[in-house]
N, C-alpha and C. Protein backbone atom coordinates (compact mmCIF):
# COMPACT_ATOMS: atom_id res chain seq x y z
N MET A 1 120.06 61.78 56.17
CA MET A 1 120.41 62.86 57.05
C MET A 1 119.69 62.67 58.38
N ALA A 2 120.42 62.61 59.45
CA ALA A 2 119.85 62.39 60.78
C ALA A 2 119.22 63.66 61.33
N LYS A 3 118.13 63.47 62.03
CA LYS A 3 117.49 64.62 62.68
C LYS A 3 118.32 65.06 63.87
N GLN A 4 118.44 66.38 64.01
CA GLN A 4 119.15 66.90 65.18
C GLN A 4 118.17 66.96 66.34
N LYS A 5 118.65 66.58 67.50
CA LYS A 5 117.82 66.62 68.69
C LYS A 5 117.66 68.06 69.14
N LYS A 6 116.41 68.47 69.33
CA LYS A 6 116.12 69.83 69.75
C LYS A 6 116.55 69.99 71.20
N GLU A 7 117.26 71.09 71.46
CA GLU A 7 117.73 71.37 72.82
C GLU A 7 116.54 71.69 73.71
N ALA A 8 116.52 71.11 74.90
CA ALA A 8 115.41 71.33 75.82
C ALA A 8 115.44 72.77 76.34
N SER A 9 114.28 73.36 76.40
CA SER A 9 114.13 74.71 76.94
C SER A 9 114.31 74.68 78.45
N PRO A 10 114.85 75.75 79.02
CA PRO A 10 114.98 75.79 80.48
C PRO A 10 113.62 75.72 81.18
N THR A 11 112.56 76.02 80.43
CA THR A 11 111.22 76.01 81.01
C THR A 11 110.43 74.77 80.62
N SER A 12 111.09 73.75 80.06
CA SER A 12 110.37 72.59 79.53
C SER A 12 109.56 71.84 80.59
N ASN A 13 109.95 71.88 81.85
CA ASN A 13 109.21 71.19 82.91
C ASN A 13 108.33 72.15 83.71
N PHE A 14 108.30 73.40 83.29
CA PHE A 14 107.51 74.44 83.94
C PHE A 14 106.10 74.43 83.34
N PRO A 15 105.05 74.79 84.09
CA PRO A 15 103.69 74.78 83.52
C PRO A 15 103.62 75.54 82.20
N LYS A 16 102.99 74.92 81.22
CA LYS A 16 102.95 75.46 79.85
C LYS A 16 102.40 76.88 79.78
N LYS A 17 101.41 77.17 80.61
CA LYS A 17 100.79 78.51 80.60
C LYS A 17 101.84 79.60 80.79
N TRP A 18 102.76 79.37 81.71
CA TRP A 18 103.79 80.36 82.02
C TRP A 18 105.02 80.19 81.14
N ALA A 19 105.36 78.95 80.82
CA ALA A 19 106.54 78.68 80.00
C ALA A 19 106.44 79.34 78.63
N LYS A 20 105.25 79.31 78.05
CA LYS A 20 105.04 79.91 76.73
C LYS A 20 105.39 81.39 76.76
N ILE A 21 105.00 82.08 77.82
CA ILE A 21 105.31 83.51 77.95
C ILE A 21 106.81 83.71 78.09
N LEU A 22 107.43 82.94 78.97
CA LEU A 22 108.86 83.10 79.20
C LEU A 22 109.68 82.73 77.97
N ASP A 23 109.23 81.70 77.25
CA ASP A 23 109.95 81.29 76.05
C ASP A 23 109.89 82.35 74.95
N ASN A 24 108.90 83.23 75.02
CA ASN A 24 108.74 84.27 74.01
C ASN A 24 109.32 85.62 74.44
N LEU A 25 110.05 85.64 75.55
CA LEU A 25 110.72 86.88 75.95
C LEU A 25 111.76 87.26 74.90
N ASP A 26 112.00 88.55 74.77
CA ASP A 26 113.02 89.03 73.84
C ASP A 26 114.37 88.38 74.20
N PRO A 27 115.13 87.95 73.21
CA PRO A 27 116.43 87.30 73.49
C PRO A 27 117.37 88.17 74.34
N SER A 28 117.21 89.48 74.26
CA SER A 28 118.09 90.35 75.05
C SER A 28 117.69 90.36 76.53
N ASP A 29 116.49 89.85 76.84
CA ASP A 29 116.04 89.76 78.22
C ASP A 29 116.69 88.51 78.82
N LYS A 30 117.58 88.69 79.73
CA LYS A 30 118.33 87.57 80.31
C LYS A 30 117.68 87.04 81.60
N PHE A 31 116.35 87.17 81.70
CA PHE A 31 115.64 86.79 82.91
C PHE A 31 115.92 85.34 83.31
N ILE A 32 115.72 84.41 82.38
CA ILE A 32 115.90 82.99 82.68
C ILE A 32 117.32 82.71 83.19
N ASP A 33 118.32 83.24 82.48
CA ASP A 33 119.71 83.04 82.90
C ASP A 33 119.96 83.63 84.28
N THR A 34 119.44 84.83 84.49
CA THR A 34 119.64 85.50 85.78
C THR A 34 119.02 84.69 86.91
N VAL A 35 117.79 84.22 86.69
CA VAL A 35 117.09 83.46 87.73
C VAL A 35 117.82 82.15 88.03
N GLN A 36 118.27 81.47 86.99
CA GLN A 36 118.94 80.19 87.21
C GLN A 36 120.26 80.33 87.95
N GLN A 37 120.85 81.52 87.92
CA GLN A 37 122.12 81.74 88.59
C GLN A 37 121.96 82.46 89.93
N SER A 38 120.73 82.68 90.35
CA SER A 38 120.47 83.45 91.56
C SER A 38 120.45 82.59 92.81
N THR A 39 120.78 83.24 93.93
CA THR A 39 120.69 82.60 95.24
C THR A 39 119.25 82.73 95.74
N HIS A 40 118.95 82.09 96.85
CA HIS A 40 117.61 82.19 97.43
C HIS A 40 117.26 83.64 97.75
N ASP A 41 118.18 84.37 98.34
CA ASP A 41 117.91 85.78 98.68
C ASP A 41 117.69 86.62 97.42
N GLU A 42 118.47 86.36 96.39
CA GLU A 42 118.30 87.10 95.13
C GLU A 42 116.95 86.77 94.49
N LEU A 43 116.55 85.50 94.58
CA LEU A 43 115.25 85.10 94.05
C LEU A 43 114.11 85.81 94.80
N ASP A 44 114.26 85.93 96.11
CA ASP A 44 113.25 86.65 96.90
C ASP A 44 113.13 88.09 96.41
N LYS A 45 114.26 88.74 96.13
CA LYS A 45 114.24 90.12 95.64
C LYS A 45 113.57 90.21 94.26
N ILE A 46 113.85 89.24 93.40
CA ILE A 46 113.25 89.22 92.07
C ILE A 46 111.73 89.04 92.18
N ILE A 47 111.31 88.17 93.08
CA ILE A 47 109.87 87.94 93.28
C ILE A 47 109.19 89.22 93.74
N VAL A 48 109.81 89.92 94.68
CA VAL A 48 109.25 91.19 95.17
C VAL A 48 109.18 92.21 94.03
N GLN A 49 110.24 92.29 93.23
CA GLN A 49 110.25 93.23 92.10
C GLN A 49 109.13 92.91 91.11
N CYS A 50 108.95 91.62 90.80
CA CYS A 50 107.88 91.23 89.87
C CYS A 50 106.52 91.61 90.42
N ASN A 51 106.31 91.38 91.71
CA ASN A 51 105.03 91.73 92.32
C ASN A 51 104.81 93.23 92.35
N GLU A 52 105.87 94.01 92.58
CA GLU A 52 105.75 95.47 92.55
C GLU A 52 105.39 95.95 91.15
N HIS A 53 106.03 95.36 90.13
CA HIS A 53 105.74 95.74 88.75
C HIS A 53 104.29 95.38 88.39
N MET A 54 103.83 94.21 88.84
CA MET A 54 102.44 93.82 88.56
C MET A 54 101.47 94.81 89.20
N ALA A 55 101.76 95.23 90.43
CA ALA A 55 100.89 96.18 91.12
C ALA A 55 100.86 97.51 90.37
N GLU A 56 102.00 97.96 89.86
CA GLU A 56 102.06 99.20 89.08
C GLU A 56 101.22 99.09 87.81
N VAL A 57 101.37 98.00 87.11
CA VAL A 57 100.63 97.80 85.86
C VAL A 57 99.12 97.75 86.14
N LYS A 58 98.72 97.04 87.20
CA LYS A 58 97.30 96.96 87.55
C LYS A 58 96.76 98.34 87.93
N LYS A 59 97.56 99.11 88.65
CA LYS A 59 97.15 100.47 89.04
C LYS A 59 96.97 101.33 87.79
N ASP A 60 97.92 101.24 86.86
CA ASP A 60 97.82 101.99 85.61
C ASP A 60 96.59 101.56 84.80
N MET A 61 96.33 100.26 84.78
CA MET A 61 95.19 99.74 84.04
C MET A 61 93.88 100.25 84.66
N ASP A 62 93.80 100.26 85.98
CA ASP A 62 92.59 100.75 86.65
C ASP A 62 92.38 102.23 86.41
N ALA A 63 93.47 102.99 86.23
CA ALA A 63 93.37 104.43 86.02
C ALA A 63 93.15 104.81 84.56
N ASP A 64 93.19 103.85 83.66
CA ASP A 64 93.07 104.12 82.23
C ASP A 64 91.59 104.34 81.87
N GLN A 65 91.23 105.60 81.70
CA GLN A 65 89.83 105.96 81.41
C GLN A 65 89.37 105.41 80.06
N ASP A 66 90.24 105.45 79.08
CA ASP A 66 89.89 104.93 77.75
C ASP A 66 89.55 103.44 77.84
N LEU A 67 90.35 102.70 78.58
CA LEU A 67 90.09 101.27 78.76
C LEU A 67 88.76 101.05 79.49
N ALA A 68 88.48 101.84 80.52
CA ALA A 68 87.25 101.71 81.27
C ALA A 68 86.04 101.96 80.37
N GLU A 69 86.14 102.96 79.50
CA GLU A 69 85.04 103.25 78.57
C GLU A 69 84.83 102.11 77.59
N LYS A 70 85.91 101.53 77.10
CA LYS A 70 85.80 100.41 76.17
C LYS A 70 85.23 99.16 76.85
N LYS A 71 85.62 98.93 78.11
CA LYS A 71 85.05 97.80 78.86
C LYS A 71 83.55 97.98 79.02
N GLN A 72 83.12 99.21 79.33
CA GLN A 72 81.70 99.47 79.50
C GLN A 72 80.96 99.28 78.19
N ALA A 73 81.58 99.70 77.08
CA ALA A 73 80.95 99.53 75.76
C ALA A 73 80.77 98.04 75.44
N VAL A 74 81.77 97.23 75.75
CA VAL A 74 81.66 95.78 75.53
C VAL A 74 80.57 95.19 76.42
N LYS A 75 80.55 95.63 77.67
CA LYS A 75 79.53 95.14 78.61
C LYS A 75 78.13 95.48 78.11
N ASP A 76 77.94 96.72 77.64
CA ASP A 76 76.64 97.14 77.11
C ASP A 76 76.26 96.34 75.87
N ALA A 77 77.23 96.13 74.97
CA ALA A 77 76.96 95.41 73.73
C ALA A 77 76.62 93.95 73.99
N ALA A 78 77.21 93.36 75.02
CA ALA A 78 76.99 91.94 75.32
C ALA A 78 75.75 91.70 76.16
N ALA A 79 75.18 92.75 76.73
CA ALA A 79 74.07 92.60 77.68
C ALA A 79 72.90 91.81 77.11
N GLN A 80 72.48 92.13 75.88
CA GLN A 80 71.32 91.43 75.32
C GLN A 80 71.61 89.95 75.11
N TYR A 81 72.83 89.62 74.75
CA TYR A 81 73.19 88.22 74.55
C TYR A 81 73.20 87.47 75.89
N LYS A 82 73.79 88.10 76.89
CA LYS A 82 73.84 87.48 78.22
C LYS A 82 72.44 87.27 78.77
N GLU A 83 71.57 88.27 78.55
CA GLU A 83 70.19 88.14 79.03
C GLU A 83 69.48 87.00 78.31
N GLY A 84 69.70 86.89 77.01
CA GLY A 84 69.09 85.80 76.24
C GLY A 84 69.56 84.44 76.72
N ILE A 85 70.83 84.34 77.02
CA ILE A 85 71.37 83.08 77.53
C ILE A 85 70.78 82.78 78.89
N ALA A 86 70.71 83.78 79.77
CA ALA A 86 70.19 83.58 81.12
C ALA A 86 68.72 83.14 81.09
N VAL A 87 67.92 83.77 80.23
CA VAL A 87 66.51 83.42 80.12
C VAL A 87 66.36 81.97 79.67
N ASN A 88 67.09 81.58 78.65
CA ASN A 88 66.98 80.21 78.14
C ASN A 88 67.55 79.20 79.11
N GLU A 89 68.59 79.57 79.84
CA GLU A 89 69.13 78.67 80.85
C GLU A 89 68.10 78.46 81.96
N ALA A 90 67.43 79.54 82.39
CA ALA A 90 66.40 79.43 83.41
C ALA A 90 65.24 78.56 82.93
N LYS A 91 64.84 78.75 81.67
CA LYS A 91 63.76 77.93 81.11
C LYS A 91 64.14 76.45 81.10
N ALA A 92 65.36 76.16 80.64
CA ALA A 92 65.82 74.77 80.58
C ALA A 92 65.89 74.16 81.98
N MET A 93 66.40 74.93 82.93
CA MET A 93 66.52 74.43 84.31
C MET A 93 65.13 74.18 84.91
N TYR A 94 64.16 75.04 84.56
CA TYR A 94 62.79 74.84 85.07
C TYR A 94 62.19 73.57 84.47
N CYS A 95 62.47 73.33 83.20
CA CYS A 95 62.00 72.09 82.57
C CYS A 95 62.58 70.87 83.26
N VAL A 96 63.87 70.92 83.58
CA VAL A 96 64.52 69.81 84.30
C VAL A 96 63.87 69.63 85.67
N TYR A 97 63.64 70.74 86.36
CA TYR A 97 63.01 70.71 87.68
C TYR A 97 61.62 70.03 87.60
N ILE A 98 60.81 70.47 86.65
CA ILE A 98 59.47 69.88 86.48
C ILE A 98 59.56 68.41 86.11
N LYS A 99 60.47 68.08 85.19
CA LYS A 99 60.65 66.68 84.76
C LYS A 99 61.03 65.80 85.94
N ASN A 100 61.91 66.29 86.81
CA ASN A 100 62.35 65.51 87.95
C ASN A 100 61.27 65.38 89.03
N SER A 101 60.30 66.27 89.00
CA SER A 101 59.24 66.20 90.02
C SER A 101 58.05 65.34 89.57
N LEU A 102 58.09 64.87 88.34
CA LEU A 102 56.99 64.03 87.83
C LEU A 102 57.12 62.60 88.31
């Protein structure tokens, strides 16, 4: 039984970081098809719409008090670890400095 050749994704030559997201869009989202059939002016409008949506989401995220509290809790919980890393990094760098001055 011969292997069937897998059909190339429309995003196969697009950077993997972004292609993975686009490849996982809901099948009912016709974004890829729409973009591939768009004119330059239509693409400009789509780009503006995407940027407007990103700004809305970022604004909502900044206004989310629950998220801000959770970020602060993570920051507080990680503080002792970060301080420990910083102290040991400074110690190691001082050792390198002294070693290089000998």
